[in-house]
Amino acid sequence: MNQATTVISAGLYTPEERVRRDNTIWTPVQGFLAAFQFIVFGVSVCLITRFMVTGQGETLAVWSVVFKTLVLYTIMVTGSIWEKVVFDKWLFAKSFFWEDVFSFLVLGLHTAYLWALFTGSMTTRDQLWLALAAYTAYAINAGQFLWKLKAARIQERATLALQKEMAA
């Protein structure tokens, strides 16, 4: 039984963390915000591309990045609350350590965009190139989190199968 318990708790979540994850309001909040941020990202990429190609829609392109950045800040705050509830750490929980590390690169690039915008230290085109660099980092980071979601689902299926086998 001890060996089986170790196998069940190995992976992304311990059984206790899984219960906390499944019972907190912050899990669906994160799910909603992640999907919303991806939509905002997609719209913003289109607006930036339109401006870069045609020169039209500068204001929309610029402010779409500001909005995307505000959504990013929001999901980072709620994500740290989620990590605190699930893992009892505000950030850098073992299961999401590298995703959190890379998130700070994403935050840094988005914040650099805001700094460039509000100080006027870069041309609009250069600002939007910086935004696209930030978006590339965001896309990689989103991929990291999606990979973890997939791993969690695989772990849960394996855990259920093992529990059924042990009960038989």
N, C-alpha and C. Protein backbone atom coordinates (compact mmCIF):
# COMPACT_ATOMS: atom_id res chain seq x y z
N MET A 1 0.82 -1.20 0.00
CA MET A 1 0.00 0.00 0.00
C MET A 1 0.87 1.26 0.00
N ASN A 2 1.93 1.26 0.74
CA ASN A 2 2.81 2.43 0.81
C ASN A 2 3.39 2.75 -0.56
N GLN A 3 3.84 1.73 -1.29
CA GLN A 3 4.39 1.95 -2.63
C GLN A 3 3.32 2.52 -3.56
N ALA A 4 2.10 1.99 -3.50
CA ALA A 4 1.02 2.49 -4.35
C ALA A 4 0.70 3.94 -4.02
N THR A 5 0.71 4.28 -2.74
CA THR A 5 0.44 5.66 -2.34
C THR A 5 1.49 6.59 -2.92
N THR A 6 2.73 6.18 -2.90
CA THR A 6 3.81 6.98 -3.47
C THR A 6 3.60 7.18 -4.96
N VAL A 7 3.20 6.12 -5.65
CA VAL A 7 2.97 6.23 -7.09
C VAL A 7 1.81 7.17 -7.36
N ILE A 8 0.74 7.07 -6.59
CA ILE A 8 -0.42 7.92 -6.81
C ILE A 8 -0.08 9.38 -6.59
N SER A 9 0.74 9.68 -5.59
CA SER A 9 1.01 11.08 -5.30
C SER A 9 2.15 11.65 -6.14
N ALA A 10 2.85 10.82 -6.89
CA ALA A 10 3.93 11.32 -7.74
C ALA A 10 3.32 12.06 -8.92
N GLY A 11 3.99 13.10 -9.39
CA GLY A 11 3.52 13.82 -10.56
C GLY A 11 3.25 15.27 -10.26
N LEU A 12 2.40 15.86 -11.07
CA LEU A 12 2.14 17.29 -11.02
C LEU A 12 1.46 17.72 -9.72
N TYR A 13 0.48 16.95 -9.26
CA TYR A 13 -0.26 17.29 -8.05
C TYR A 13 -0.25 16.11 -7.09
N THR A 14 -0.11 16.39 -5.81
CA THR A 14 -0.37 15.36 -4.82
C THR A 14 -1.89 15.22 -4.72
N PRO A 15 -2.37 14.17 -4.09
CA PRO A 15 -3.84 14.06 -3.93
C PRO A 15 -4.43 15.26 -3.20
N GLU A 16 -3.73 15.78 -2.21
CA GLU A 16 -4.23 16.94 -1.46
C GLU A 16 -4.26 18.19 -2.34
N GLU A 17 -3.22 18.37 -3.14
CA GLU A 17 -3.18 19.53 -4.05
C GLU A 17 -4.28 19.43 -5.11
N ARG A 18 -4.52 18.21 -5.58
CA ARG A 18 -5.57 18.02 -6.58
C ARG A 18 -6.93 18.40 -6.00
N VAL A 19 -7.19 18.03 -4.76
CA VAL A 19 -8.45 18.39 -4.09
C VAL A 19 -8.55 19.91 -3.98
N ARG A 20 -7.47 20.55 -3.53
CA ARG A 20 -7.49 22.01 -3.42
C ARG A 20 -7.70 22.66 -4.79
N ARG A 21 -7.01 22.13 -5.80
CA ARG A 21 -7.17 22.67 -7.15
C ARG A 21 -8.63 22.55 -7.61
N ASP A 22 -9.21 21.40 -7.39
CA ASP A 22 -10.58 21.15 -7.86
C ASP A 22 -11.64 21.92 -7.07
N ASN A 23 -11.30 22.35 -5.84
CA ASN A 23 -12.29 23.00 -4.98
C ASN A 23 -12.15 24.50 -4.87
N THR A 24 -11.17 25.09 -5.54
CA THR A 24 -11.01 26.53 -5.44
C THR A 24 -11.65 27.24 -6.63
N ILE A 25 -12.23 28.39 -6.36
CA ILE A 25 -12.82 29.22 -7.41
C ILE A 25 -11.74 29.71 -8.37
N TRP A 26 -10.50 29.75 -7.91
CA TRP A 26 -9.42 30.30 -8.73
C TRP A 26 -9.08 29.42 -9.93
N THR A 27 -9.42 28.14 -9.88
CA THR A 27 -9.16 27.28 -11.04
C THR A 27 -10.02 27.69 -12.24
N PRO A 28 -11.34 27.82 -12.11
CA PRO A 28 -12.11 28.29 -13.26
C PRO A 28 -11.80 29.74 -13.63
N VAL A 29 -11.43 30.55 -12.64
CA VAL A 29 -11.04 31.93 -12.95
C VAL A 29 -9.81 31.90 -13.87
N GLN A 30 -8.82 31.08 -13.53
CA GLN A 30 -7.63 30.98 -14.37
C GLN A 30 -7.98 30.44 -15.76
N GLY A 31 -8.87 29.47 -15.80
CA GLY A 31 -9.28 28.92 -17.10
C GLY A 31 -9.94 29.97 -17.98
N PHE A 32 -10.83 30.76 -17.38
CA PHE A 32 -11.49 31.83 -18.13
C PHE A 32 -10.48 32.87 -18.59
N LEU A 33 -9.64 33.34 -17.66
CA LEU A 33 -8.67 34.38 -18.01
C LEU A 33 -7.67 33.91 -19.05
N ALA A 34 -7.26 32.66 -18.98
CA ALA A 34 -6.32 32.14 -19.98
C ALA A 34 -6.95 32.17 -21.37
N ALA A 35 -8.20 31.72 -21.47
CA ALA A 35 -8.89 31.74 -22.76
C ALA A 35 -9.11 33.18 -23.23
N PHE A 36 -9.52 34.05 -22.32
CA PHE A 36 -9.76 35.45 -22.66
C PHE A 36 -8.46 36.11 -23.13
N GLN A 37 -7.37 35.85 -22.40
CA GLN A 37 -6.09 36.44 -22.79
C GLN A 37 -5.67 35.97 -24.19
N PHE A 38 -5.94 34.71 -24.50
CA PHE A 38 -5.58 34.19 -25.83
C PHE A 38 -6.39 34.89 -26.92
N ILE A 39 -7.66 35.15 -26.66
CA ILE A 39 -8.49 35.88 -27.63
C ILE A 39 -7.96 37.31 -27.80
N VAL A 40 -7.67 37.97 -26.69
CA VAL A 40 -7.12 39.33 -26.75
C VAL A 40 -5.80 39.32 -27.53
N PHE A 41 -4.96 38.35 -27.26
CA PHE A 41 -3.70 38.18 -27.97
C PHE A 41 -3.94 38.06 -29.48
N GLY A 42 -4.87 37.19 -29.87
CA GLY A 42 -5.15 36.99 -31.29
C GLY A 42 -5.65 38.25 -31.98
N VAL A 43 -6.56 38.96 -31.34
CA VAL A 43 -7.07 40.21 -31.90
C VAL A 43 -5.93 41.22 -32.01
N SER A 44 -5.12 41.32 -30.98
CA SER A 44 -4.02 42.28 -30.98
C SER A 44 -3.01 41.97 -32.08
N VAL A 45 -2.68 40.70 -32.25
CA VAL A 45 -1.75 40.32 -33.33
C VAL A 45 -2.31 40.77 -34.68
N CYS A 46 -3.60 40.58 -34.88
CA CYS A 46 -4.23 41.02 -36.14
C CYS A 46 -4.14 42.54 -36.30
N LEU A 47 -4.40 43.27 -35.23
CA LEU A 47 -4.34 44.73 -35.29
C LEU A 47 -2.91 45.22 -35.53
N ILE A 48 -1.95 44.59 -34.88
CA ILE A 48 -0.55 44.96 -35.10
C ILE A 48 -0.13 44.65 -36.53
N THR A 49 -0.50 43.49 -37.01
CA THR A 49 -0.16 43.10 -38.38
C THR A 49 -0.77 44.07 -39.38
N ARG A 50 -2.02 44.43 -39.15
CA ARG A 50 -2.69 45.39 -40.04
C ARG A 50 -1.90 46.70 -40.09
N PHE A 51 -1.50 47.20 -38.93
CA PHE A 51 -0.74 48.45 -38.91
C PHE A 51 0.62 48.28 -39.58
N MET A 52 1.30 47.20 -39.29
CA MET A 52 2.65 47.00 -39.85
C MET A 52 2.61 46.87 -41.37
N VAL A 53 1.56 46.28 -41.89
CA VAL A 53 1.46 46.05 -43.33
C VAL A 53 0.89 47.28 -44.05
N THR A 54 -0.16 47.88 -43.48
CA THR A 54 -0.87 48.94 -44.21
C THR A 54 -0.61 50.34 -43.65
N GLY A 55 -0.12 50.42 -42.43
CA GLY A 55 0.04 51.73 -41.79
C GLY A 55 -1.26 52.25 -41.19
N GLN A 56 -2.32 51.48 -41.31
CA GLN A 56 -3.63 51.89 -40.78
C GLN A 56 -3.88 51.25 -39.41
N GLY A 57 -4.62 51.97 -38.59
CA GLY A 57 -5.04 51.41 -37.31
C GLY A 57 -3.99 51.49 -36.21
N GLU A 58 -3.15 52.51 -36.28
CA GLU A 58 -2.08 52.64 -35.28
C GLU A 58 -2.62 52.68 -33.85
N THR A 59 -3.61 53.50 -33.62
CA THR A 59 -4.14 53.66 -32.27
C THR A 59 -4.70 52.35 -31.73
N LEU A 60 -5.47 51.65 -32.57
CA LEU A 60 -6.01 50.36 -32.13
C LEU A 60 -4.91 49.36 -31.83
N ALA A 61 -3.90 49.31 -32.68
CA ALA A 61 -2.80 48.37 -32.47
C ALA A 61 -2.08 48.67 -31.16
N VAL A 62 -1.75 49.93 -30.96
CA VAL A 62 -1.01 50.34 -29.75
C VAL A 62 -1.80 50.02 -28.49
N TRP A 63 -3.07 50.41 -28.47
CA TRP A 63 -3.86 50.21 -27.26
C TRP A 63 -4.29 48.76 -27.07
N SER A 64 -4.30 47.97 -28.13
CA SER A 64 -4.58 46.54 -27.96
C SER A 64 -3.47 45.87 -27.15
N VAL A 65 -2.24 46.35 -27.32
CA VAL A 65 -1.12 45.80 -26.54
C VAL A 65 -1.24 46.23 -25.08
N VAL A 66 -1.66 47.46 -24.85
CA VAL A 66 -1.87 47.92 -23.48
C VAL A 66 -2.94 47.05 -22.81
N PHE A 67 -4.04 46.80 -23.51
CA PHE A 67 -5.10 45.96 -22.96
C PHE A 67 -4.60 44.55 -22.69
N LYS A 68 -3.87 43.98 -23.65
CA LYS A 68 -3.30 42.63 -23.47
C LYS A 68 -2.39 42.60 -22.25
N THR A 69 -1.61 43.65 -22.05
CA THR A 69 -0.71 43.71 -20.90
C THR A 69 -1.49 43.75 -19.59
N LEU A 70 -2.57 44.52 -19.56
CA LEU A 70 -3.41 44.57 -18.35
C LEU A 70 -4.04 43.21 -18.05
N VAL A 71 -4.45 42.51 -19.09
CA VAL A 71 -5.00 41.16 -18.89
C VAL A 71 -3.90 40.24 -18.37
N LEU A 72 -2.69 40.36 -18.92
CA LEU A 72 -1.56 39.57 -18.44
C LEU A 72 -1.30 39.83 -16.96
N TYR A 73 -1.26 41.10 -16.56
CA TYR A 73 -1.04 41.43 -15.15
C TYR A 73 -2.12 40.80 -14.28
N THR A 74 -3.35 40.85 -14.74
CA THR A 74 -4.46 40.28 -13.99
C THR A 74 -4.28 38.78 -13.81
N ILE A 75 -3.95 38.08 -14.89
CA ILE A 75 -3.81 36.62 -14.79
C ILE A 75 -2.59 36.24 -13.96
N MET A 76 -1.58 37.10 -13.92
CA MET A 76 -0.43 36.81 -13.06
C MET A 76 -0.81 36.96 -11.58
N VAL A 77 -1.58 37.96 -11.25
CA VAL A 77 -2.02 38.13 -9.85
C VAL A 77 -2.92 36.97 -9.45
N THR A 78 -3.93 36.67 -10.26
CA THR A 78 -4.84 35.58 -9.90
C THR A 78 -4.12 34.23 -9.94
N GLY A 79 -3.15 34.09 -10.83
CA GLY A 79 -2.36 32.86 -10.88
C GLY A 79 -1.53 32.65 -9.63
N SER A 80 -0.98 33.73 -9.10
CA SER A 80 -0.21 33.59 -7.86
C SER A 80 -1.13 33.24 -6.69
N ILE A 81 -2.34 33.78 -6.70
CA ILE A 81 -3.32 33.40 -5.67
C ILE A 81 -3.66 31.92 -5.81
N TRP A 82 -3.88 31.47 -7.05
CA TRP A 82 -4.17 30.05 -7.32
C TRP A 82 -3.03 29.16 -6.80
N GLU A 83 -1.79 29.54 -7.09
CA GLU A 83 -0.65 28.75 -6.61
C GLU A 83 -0.61 28.71 -5.08
N LYS A 84 -0.92 29.82 -4.44
CA LYS A 84 -0.93 29.87 -2.98
C LYS A 84 -1.99 28.92 -2.42
N VAL A 85 -3.17 28.92 -3.03
CA VAL A 85 -4.25 28.05 -2.56
C VAL A 85 -3.89 26.58 -2.80
N VAL A 86 -3.40 26.26 -3.98
CA VAL A 86 -3.15 24.87 -4.35
C VAL A 86 -1.85 24.34 -3.75
N PHE A 87 -0.77 25.10 -3.85
CA PHE A 87 0.56 24.62 -3.46
C PHE A 87 1.12 25.28 -2.20
N ASP A 88 0.40 26.24 -1.64
CA ASP A 88 0.84 27.00 -0.47
C ASP A 88 2.12 27.80 -0.74
N LYS A 89 2.29 28.24 -1.97
CA LYS A 89 3.40 29.12 -2.36
C LYS A 89 2.82 30.16 -3.31
N TRP A 90 3.21 31.42 -3.13
CA TRP A 90 2.68 32.48 -3.98
C TRP A 90 3.15 32.32 -5.42
N LEU A 91 4.35 31.90 -5.61
CA LEU A 91 4.92 31.67 -6.94
C LEU A 91 6.02 30.63 -6.82
N PHE A 92 6.42 30.10 -7.95
CA PHE A 92 7.54 29.17 -8.04
C PHE A 92 7.30 27.86 -7.29
N ALA A 93 6.04 27.42 -7.27
CA ALA A 93 5.76 26.08 -6.75
C ALA A 93 6.50 25.08 -7.64
N LYS A 94 6.95 24.01 -7.03
CA LYS A 94 7.77 23.03 -7.76
C LYS A 94 7.13 22.61 -9.09
N SER A 95 5.84 22.36 -9.08
CA SER A 95 5.16 21.87 -10.29
C SER A 95 5.11 22.90 -11.42
N PHE A 96 5.23 24.19 -11.09
CA PHE A 96 5.13 25.23 -12.11
C PHE A 96 6.33 26.19 -12.07
N PHE A 97 7.44 25.72 -11.54
CA PHE A 97 8.60 26.59 -11.36
C PHE A 97 9.05 27.23 -12.67
N TRP A 98 9.31 26.43 -13.69
CA TRP A 98 9.87 26.98 -14.94
C TRP A 98 8.85 27.80 -15.70
N GLU A 99 7.57 27.47 -15.58
CA GLU A 99 6.53 28.29 -16.20
C GLU A 99 6.51 29.67 -15.54
N ASP A 100 6.66 29.70 -14.22
CA ASP A 100 6.68 30.98 -13.51
C ASP A 100 7.93 31.78 -13.86
N VAL A 101 9.07 31.11 -13.95
CA VAL A 101 10.30 31.81 -14.34
C VAL A 101 10.11 32.47 -15.70
N PHE A 102 9.62 31.71 -16.66
CA PHE A 102 9.43 32.25 -18.01
C PHE A 102 8.36 33.33 -18.03
N SER A 103 7.37 33.22 -17.13
CA SER A 103 6.33 34.25 -17.04
C SER A 103 6.94 35.61 -16.71
N PHE A 104 8.02 35.61 -15.94
CA PHE A 104 8.65 36.88 -15.61
C PHE A 104 9.33 37.51 -16.82
N LEU A 105 9.83 36.70 -17.74
CA LEU A 105 10.33 37.24 -19.01
C LEU A 105 9.18 37.87 -19.78
N VAL A 106 8.06 37.17 -19.83
CA VAL A 106 6.87 37.68 -20.52
C VAL A 106 6.44 39.00 -19.89
N LEU A 107 6.36 39.04 -18.57
CA LEU A 107 5.99 40.28 -17.87
C LEU A 107 6.99 41.40 -18.17
N GLY A 108 8.27 41.06 -18.15
CA GLY A 108 9.29 42.07 -18.41
C GLY A 108 9.17 42.68 -19.79
N LEU A 109 8.93 41.85 -20.79
CA LEU A 109 8.79 42.36 -22.16
C LEU A 109 7.53 43.21 -22.31
N HIS A 110 6.43 42.76 -21.72
CA HIS A 110 5.20 43.56 -21.79
C HIS A 110 5.36 44.89 -21.05
N THR A 111 6.04 44.85 -19.92
CA THR A 111 6.27 46.07 -19.15
C THR A 111 7.22 47.01 -19.91
N ALA A 112 8.21 46.45 -20.58
CA ALA A 112 9.11 47.27 -21.40
C ALA A 112 8.32 47.98 -22.51
N TYR A 113 7.32 47.29 -23.06
CA TYR A 113 6.46 47.92 -24.06
C TYR A 113 5.75 49.14 -23.45
N LEU A 114 5.16 48.96 -22.28
CA LEU A 114 4.47 50.09 -21.64
C LEU A 114 5.44 51.24 -21.37
N TRP A 115 6.62 50.91 -20.91
CA TRP A 115 7.63 51.94 -20.65
C TRP A 115 7.96 52.68 -21.95
N ALA A 116 8.19 51.95 -23.03
CA ALA A 116 8.51 52.57 -24.31
C ALA A 116 7.35 53.44 -24.80
N LEU A 117 6.14 52.96 -24.63
CA LEU A 117 4.96 53.71 -25.06
C LEU A 117 4.83 55.02 -24.28
N PHE A 118 4.89 54.93 -22.99
CA PHE A 118 4.62 56.10 -22.16
C PHE A 118 5.80 57.07 -22.05
N THR A 119 7.00 56.62 -22.36
CA THR A 119 8.15 57.55 -22.37
C THR A 119 8.42 58.08 -23.77
N GLY A 120 7.84 57.43 -24.78
CA GLY A 120 8.10 57.85 -26.16
C GLY A 120 9.52 57.55 -26.60
N SER A 121 10.16 56.60 -25.95
CA SER A 121 11.57 56.30 -26.22
C SER A 121 11.79 55.49 -27.49
N MET A 122 10.70 55.01 -28.10
CA MET A 122 10.80 54.22 -29.33
C MET A 122 9.72 54.69 -30.30
N THR A 123 9.96 54.46 -31.58
CA THR A 123 8.93 54.75 -32.56
C THR A 123 7.79 53.75 -32.38
N THR A 124 6.64 54.06 -32.93
CA THR A 124 5.51 53.15 -32.82
C THR A 124 5.85 51.79 -33.41
N ARG A 125 6.50 51.77 -34.57
CA ARG A 125 6.87 50.49 -35.18
C ARG A 125 7.80 49.69 -34.27
N ASP A 126 8.78 50.35 -33.68
CA ASP A 126 9.70 49.65 -32.79
C ASP A 126 8.97 49.15 -31.54
N GLN A 127 8.04 49.95 -31.04
CA GLN A 127 7.23 49.51 -29.90
C GLN A 127 6.46 48.25 -30.25
N LEU A 128 5.89 48.24 -31.45
CA LEU A 128 5.09 47.08 -31.85
C LEU A 128 5.96 45.86 -32.14
N TRP A 129 7.19 46.09 -32.59
CA TRP A 129 8.13 44.96 -32.71
C TRP A 129 8.44 44.40 -31.32
N LEU A 130 8.60 45.27 -30.35
CA LEU A 130 8.81 44.84 -28.97
C LEU A 130 7.59 44.06 -28.48
N ALA A 131 6.41 44.56 -28.81
CA ALA A 131 5.18 43.85 -28.44
C ALA A 131 5.16 42.46 -29.07
N LEU A 132 5.57 42.34 -30.31
CA LEU A 132 5.58 41.03 -30.97
C LEU A 132 6.60 40.10 -30.31
N ALA A 133 7.72 40.65 -29.84
CA ALA A 133 8.68 39.83 -29.08
C ALA A 133 8.03 39.36 -27.78
N ALA A 134 7.31 40.27 -27.12
CA ALA A 134 6.59 39.90 -25.89
C ALA A 134 5.55 38.83 -26.19
N TYR A 135 4.88 38.96 -27.31
CA TYR A 135 3.85 37.99 -27.69
C TYR A 135 4.45 36.63 -28.02
N THR A 136 5.62 36.63 -28.61
CA THR A 136 6.31 35.36 -28.88
C THR A 136 6.63 34.66 -27.56
N ALA A 137 7.15 35.42 -26.60
CA ALA A 137 7.43 34.86 -25.28
C ALA A 137 6.14 34.36 -24.62
N TYR A 138 5.06 35.14 -24.76
CA TYR A 138 3.77 34.73 -24.21
C TYR A 138 3.31 33.41 -24.84
N ALA A 139 3.45 33.29 -26.15
CA ALA A 139 3.01 32.06 -26.83
C ALA A 139 3.80 30.84 -26.33
N ILE A 140 5.09 31.02 -26.13
CA ILE A 140 5.91 29.93 -25.60
C ILE A 140 5.44 29.58 -24.18
N ASN A 141 5.22 30.59 -23.37
CA ASN A 141 4.77 30.39 -21.99
C ASN A 141 3.40 29.72 -21.95
N ALA A 142 2.50 30.15 -22.81
CA ALA A 142 1.18 29.52 -22.89
C ALA A 142 1.33 28.04 -23.25
N GLY A 143 2.25 27.76 -24.18
CA GLY A 143 2.53 26.37 -24.54
C GLY A 143 3.03 25.56 -23.35
N GLN A 144 3.88 26.17 -22.52
CA GLN A 144 4.34 25.49 -21.32
C GLN A 144 3.17 25.11 -20.42
N PHE A 145 2.25 26.03 -20.22
CA PHE A 145 1.10 25.76 -19.36
C PHE A 145 0.17 24.72 -19.97
N LEU A 146 -0.02 24.77 -21.28
CA LEU A 146 -0.86 23.76 -21.93
C LEU A 146 -0.23 22.37 -21.80
N TRP A 147 1.08 22.31 -21.91
CA TRP A 147 1.80 21.04 -21.74
C TRP A 147 1.55 20.50 -20.32
N LYS A 148 1.58 21.39 -19.33
CA LYS A 148 1.33 20.98 -17.95
C LYS A 148 -0.11 20.51 -17.76
N LEU A 149 -1.05 21.18 -18.39
CA LEU A 149 -2.45 20.74 -18.30
C LEU A 149 -2.61 19.34 -18.87
N LYS A 150 -1.95 19.09 -19.99
CA LYS A 150 -2.00 17.76 -20.59
C LYS A 150 -1.37 16.73 -19.66
N ALA A 151 -0.23 17.08 -19.07
CA ALA A 151 0.44 16.17 -18.13
C ALA A 151 -0.46 15.88 -16.93
N ALA A 152 -1.16 16.89 -16.45
CA ALA A 152 -2.06 16.69 -15.31
C ALA A 152 -3.19 15.74 -15.67
N ARG A 153 -3.72 15.88 -16.85
CA ARG A 153 -4.81 14.97 -17.28
C ARG A 153 -4.30 13.55 -17.40
N ILE A 154 -3.13 13.37 -17.96
CA ILE A 154 -2.54 12.03 -18.07
C ILE A 154 -2.32 11.45 -16.68
N GLN A 155 -1.79 12.26 -15.76
CA GLN A 155 -1.57 11.81 -14.38
C GLN A 155 -2.88 11.39 -13.73
N GLU A 156 -3.92 12.17 -13.92
CA GLU A 156 -5.21 11.85 -13.30
C GLU A 156 -5.77 10.54 -13.84
N ARG A 157 -5.65 10.31 -15.15
CA ARG A 157 -6.12 9.04 -15.72
C ARG A 157 -5.33 7.87 -15.16
N ALA A 158 -4.01 8.03 -15.06
CA ALA A 158 -3.17 6.97 -14.52
C ALA A 158 -3.49 6.70 -13.04
N THR A 159 -3.74 7.75 -12.29
CA THR A 159 -4.07 7.62 -10.88
C THR A 159 -5.38 6.88 -10.72
N LEU A 160 -6.38 7.24 -11.51
CA LEU A 160 -7.67 6.56 -11.43
C LEU A 160 -7.55 5.09 -11.80
N ALA A 161 -6.77 4.80 -12.83
CA ALA A 161 -6.57 3.41 -13.24
C ALA A 161 -5.87 2.63 -12.13
N LEU A 162 -4.88 3.23 -11.51
CA LEU A 162 -4.17 2.54 -10.42
C LEU A 162 -5.09 2.33 -9.22
N GLN A 163 -5.91 3.32 -8.92
CA GLN A 163 -6.84 3.17 -7.80
C GLN A 163 -7.83 2.05 -8.06
N LYS A 164 -8.33 1.95 -9.28
CA LYS A 164 -9.25 0.87 -9.64
C LYS A 164 -8.56 -0.47 -9.52
N GLU A 165 -7.33 -0.54 -9.99
CA GLU A 165 -6.56 -1.79 -9.92
C GLU A 165 -6.33 -2.19 -8.46
N MET A 166 -6.02 -1.23 -7.61
CA MET A 166 -5.78 -1.52 -6.20
C MET A 166 -7.06 -1.97 -5.50
N ALA A 167 -8.19 -1.43 -5.93
CA ALA A 167 -9.46 -1.77 -5.30
C ALA A 167 -9.94 -3.16 -5.73
N ALA A 168 -9.46 -3.64 -6.87
CA ALA A 168 -9.90 -4.93 -7.39
C ALA A 168 -9.28 -6.10 -6.67
